[in-house]
Amino acid sequence: MGNTPVVGVLALQGDIREHLIALAAADVVARPVRRPEELAEVDGLVIPGGESTTISKLAHLFGMMEPLRGRVAAGMPVYGTCAGLIMLADKILDPRSGQETLGGIDMIVRRNAFGRQNESFEARVDVTGVEGGPVEGVFIRAPWVESVGASTEVLARYDGHIVAVRQGNALATSFHPELTGDHRLHALFVDMVRAAL
């Protein structure tokens, strides 16, 4: 094994299996994470899509909220997709009551900004740092980023809206790359994990 990174997928809700497959394709040990002791064993973490309010509630239920905040604040590489992007935001424009985030990226996000479930769509997105042309993005009740702070790098826009950002060891996309078979964003994240080891 040597220094093969271990990358977790927060397994509370969402496309857990698809993320595990995409990570395994990037030559890391990929495993689901539900409990604090499992979180302690990973070098990086993917926070999948789903419903951000539900993920926030489940994280509390499983005793994961504070350990997650601690690891993110300490600089553990983390990649959030769709609801995961919302979880990494320092501020939500229109939070549901009781909805909390982990923070980690200086940005303000708008939930369900691209419309309801029946307005889901696929689009090609040019992402800074990803070679080989645009990535296929699946937007499902996707959020967008309203604004970012000075330390947050905008990696992609779609239709004028920010849909991919990075701040330090935190990466986030509004869309689901794990549903397309295009694993380049996961590979980019794995490079971030390796660099942080």
Protein backbone atom coordinates (compact mmCIF):
# COMPACT_ATOMS: atom_id res chain seq x y z
CA MET A 1 0.00 0.00 0.00
CA GLY A 2 2.68 2.51 0.99
CA ASN A 3 1.20 5.98 0.87
CA THR A 4 -2.02 5.23 -1.00
CA PRO A 5 -4.45 7.86 0.28
CA VAL A 6 -7.65 6.78 1.97
CA VAL A 7 -10.57 8.91 0.80
CA GLY A 8 -13.96 8.70 2.46
CA VAL A 9 -17.42 9.42 1.13
CA LEU A 10 -19.82 10.82 3.72
CA ALA A 11 -22.39 8.03 3.63
CA LEU A 12 -25.44 9.69 5.15
CA GLN A 13 -27.37 10.31 1.93
CA GLY A 14 -26.75 10.74 -1.80
CA ASP A 15 -24.75 9.09 -4.60
CA ILE A 16 -22.39 7.26 -2.27
CA ARG A 17 -21.66 4.25 -4.49
CA GLU A 18 -20.99 6.39 -7.58
CA HIS A 19 -18.46 8.52 -5.68
CA LEU A 20 -16.73 5.40 -4.33
CA ILE A 21 -16.40 4.08 -7.91
CA ALA A 22 -15.05 7.41 -9.21
CA LEU A 23 -12.50 7.60 -6.37
CA ALA A 24 -11.38 3.99 -6.84
CA ALA A 25 -10.75 4.87 -10.52
CA ALA A 26 -8.31 7.53 -9.24
CA ASP A 27 -6.24 4.88 -7.41
CA VAL A 28 -7.13 5.58 -3.81
CA VAL A 29 -8.67 3.44 -1.11
CA ALA A 30 -12.27 4.65 -1.06
CA ARG A 31 -14.61 3.88 1.82
CA PRO A 32 -17.95 5.05 3.20
CA VAL A 33 -17.81 7.21 6.34
CA ARG A 34 -20.73 7.35 8.79
CA ARG A 35 -19.12 7.60 12.21
CA PRO A 36 -16.47 9.83 13.84
CA GLU A 37 -14.02 6.93 14.20
CA GLU A 38 -14.28 6.24 10.43
CA LEU A 39 -13.73 9.95 9.71
CA ALA A 40 -10.55 9.85 11.79
CA GLU A 41 -9.07 7.23 9.41
CA VAL A 42 -9.41 9.10 6.11
CA ASP A 43 -7.03 11.54 4.40
CA GLY A 44 -9.80 13.31 2.50
CA LEU A 45 -13.58 13.28 2.25
CA VAL A 46 -16.25 13.66 -0.43
CA ILE A 47 -19.60 15.10 0.66
CA PRO A 48 -22.12 13.89 -1.90
CA GLY A 49 -25.34 15.41 -3.13
CA GLY A 50 -28.73 14.69 -1.61
CA GLU A 51 -30.76 17.14 0.44
CA SER A 52 -28.56 19.56 2.37
CA THR A 53 -31.10 19.98 5.19
CA THR A 54 -31.32 16.19 5.61
CA ILE A 55 -27.54 15.77 5.51
CA SER A 56 -27.19 18.46 8.18
CA LYS A 57 -29.77 16.69 10.42
CA LEU A 58 -28.23 13.25 9.87
CA ALA A 59 -24.74 14.59 10.61
CA HIS A 60 -26.04 15.74 14.01
CA LEU A 61 -27.82 12.44 14.57
CA PHE A 62 -24.66 10.41 13.87
CA GLY A 63 -22.51 12.72 16.02
CA MET A 64 -20.61 13.82 12.92
CA MET A 65 -21.19 17.60 12.79
CA GLU A 66 -18.44 18.70 15.19
CA PRO A 67 -15.84 16.12 14.05
CA LEU A 68 -16.50 17.14 10.42
CA ARG A 69 -16.19 20.84 11.25
CA GLY A 70 -12.96 20.11 13.11
CA ARG A 71 -11.37 18.16 10.25
CA VAL A 72 -12.44 20.73 7.62
CA ALA A 73 -11.15 23.60 9.78
CA ALA A 74 -7.87 21.71 10.28
CA GLY A 75 -7.40 21.55 6.50
CA MET A 76 -8.46 18.01 5.61
CA PRO A 77 -9.07 17.95 1.83
CA VAL A 78 -12.80 17.89 1.18
CA TYR A 79 -14.89 17.87 -2.00
CA GLY A 80 -18.60 18.71 -1.93
CA THR A 81 -20.99 18.09 -4.85
CA CYS A 82 -24.43 19.74 -5.06
CA ALA A 83 -25.73 19.50 -1.47
CA GLY A 84 -22.09 18.96 -0.49
CA LEU A 85 -21.30 22.40 -1.91
CA ILE A 86 -24.02 23.86 0.33
CA MET A 87 -22.53 22.02 3.34
CA LEU A 88 -19.13 23.65 2.68
CA ALA A 89 -20.52 27.17 2.36
CA ASP A 90 -19.85 29.70 5.10
CA LYS A 91 -23.30 31.17 4.40
CA ILE A 92 -26.59 30.03 2.81
CA LEU A 93 -28.75 32.73 1.31
CA ASP A 94 -32.06 31.04 2.15
CA PRO A 95 -31.41 28.38 4.80
CA ARG A 96 -34.16 26.07 5.96
CA SER A 97 -34.89 26.40 9.65
CA GLY A 98 -32.26 24.58 11.69
CA GLN A 99 -30.06 24.03 8.64
CA GLU A 100 -26.36 24.21 9.45
CA THR A 101 -23.23 23.99 7.34
CA LEU A 102 -19.68 22.86 8.00
CA GLY A 103 -18.18 25.95 6.43
CA GLY A 104 -14.74 25.86 4.88
CA ILE A 105 -15.32 27.93 1.75
CA ASP A 106 -15.85 31.68 1.89
CA MET A 107 -18.95 31.79 -0.30
CA ILE A 108 -22.67 32.50 -0.18
CA VAL A 109 -24.84 29.88 -1.90
CA ARG A 110 -28.43 29.78 -3.11
CA ARG A 111 -30.25 26.45 -2.68
CA ASN A 112 -32.18 24.92 -5.63
CA ALA A 113 -31.09 27.92 -7.70
CA PHE A 114 -31.37 26.12 -11.03
CA GLY A 115 -34.97 25.06 -10.36
CA ARG A 116 -36.88 22.04 -9.16
CA GLN A 117 -36.26 18.33 -9.80
CA ASN A 118 -38.07 18.35 -13.16
CA GLU A 119 -35.77 21.12 -14.36
CA SER A 120 -32.68 18.95 -13.93
CA PHE A 121 -30.31 19.01 -16.90
CA GLU A 122 -26.87 18.05 -18.17
CA ALA A 123 -24.37 20.60 -19.40
CA ARG A 124 -20.75 20.76 -20.50
CA VAL A 125 -18.72 22.88 -18.10
CA ASP A 126 -15.18 24.19 -18.54
CA VAL A 127 -13.41 23.74 -15.21
CA THR A 128 -10.07 25.48 -14.50
CA GLY A 129 -7.47 22.86 -13.55
CA VAL A 130 -9.17 20.00 -15.41
CA GLU A 131 -7.40 19.04 -18.64
CA GLY A 132 -9.00 17.52 -21.71
CA GLY A 133 -11.94 19.79 -22.42
CA PRO A 134 -15.20 20.45 -20.59
CA VAL A 135 -16.64 18.03 -18.03
CA GLU A 136 -20.18 16.73 -18.25
CA GLY A 137 -22.13 18.13 -15.32
CA VAL A 138 -25.46 16.77 -14.12
CA PHE A 139 -27.47 19.51 -12.41
CA ILE A 140 -30.22 18.15 -10.13
CA ARG A 141 -32.02 20.83 -8.10
CA ALA A 142 -28.57 22.36 -8.13
CA PRO A 143 -27.42 25.31 -6.04
CA TRP A 144 -25.21 28.03 -7.39
CA VAL A 145 -22.69 30.31 -5.71
CA GLU A 146 -23.97 33.87 -5.38
CA SER A 147 -20.65 35.37 -4.33
CA VAL A 148 -17.20 34.39 -3.08
CA GLY A 149 -14.63 35.94 -0.78
CA ALA A 150 -11.16 37.06 -1.86
CA SER A 151 -9.52 33.75 -0.95
CA THR A 152 -11.95 31.61 -2.96
CA GLU A 153 -11.01 30.72 -6.54
CA VAL A 154 -13.82 30.40 -9.09
CA LEU A 155 -13.12 27.32 -11.25
CA ALA A 156 -16.24 27.29 -13.44
CA ARG A 157 -19.34 29.22 -14.41
CA TYR A 158 -22.44 28.06 -16.20
CA ASP A 159 -24.95 30.48 -17.69
CA GLY A 160 -23.18 33.30 -15.83
CA HIS A 161 -23.44 31.59 -12.43
CA ILE A 162 -20.54 30.21 -10.37
CA VAL A 163 -20.77 26.39 -10.27
CA ALA A 164 -17.28 25.29 -9.15
CA VAL A 165 -14.96 26.79 -6.54
CA ARG A 166 -11.86 26.00 -4.56
CA GLN A 167 -10.43 27.45 -1.38
CA GLY A 168 -7.27 25.85 -0.07
CA ASN A 169 -8.00 22.14 0.43
CA ALA A 170 -11.74 22.52 -0.17
CA LEU A 171 -13.29 21.92 -3.59
CA ALA A 172 -16.99 22.20 -4.46
CA THR A 173 -19.21 21.84 -7.54
CA SER A 174 -22.93 22.59 -8.01
CA PHE A 175 -23.22 19.59 -10.28
CA HIS A 176 -22.73 15.83 -9.98
CA PRO A 177 -19.64 14.62 -11.88
CA GLU A 178 -20.00 11.15 -10.33
CA LEU A 179 -23.09 10.39 -12.45
CA THR A 180 -21.32 10.77 -15.81
CA GLY A 181 -18.44 8.29 -15.82
CA ASP A 182 -16.07 11.28 -16.21
CA HIS A 183 -13.75 10.96 -13.23
CA ARG A 184 -11.48 13.95 -13.90
CA LEU A 185 -12.86 16.09 -11.05
CA HIS A 186 -12.36 13.20 -8.64
CA ALA A 187 -8.81 12.86 -10.00
CA LEU A 188 -8.26 16.60 -9.35
CA PHE A 189 -9.51 16.10 -5.79
CA VAL A 190 -7.28 13.06 -5.29
CA ASP A 191 -4.30 15.18 -6.41
CA MET A 192 -5.27 17.66 -3.65
CA VAL A 193 -5.41 14.80 -1.13
CA ARG A 194 -1.99 13.48 -2.20
CA ALA A 195 -0.50 16.97 -1.98
CA ALA A 196 -1.79 17.33 1.59
CA LEU A 197 -0.36 14.01 2.85
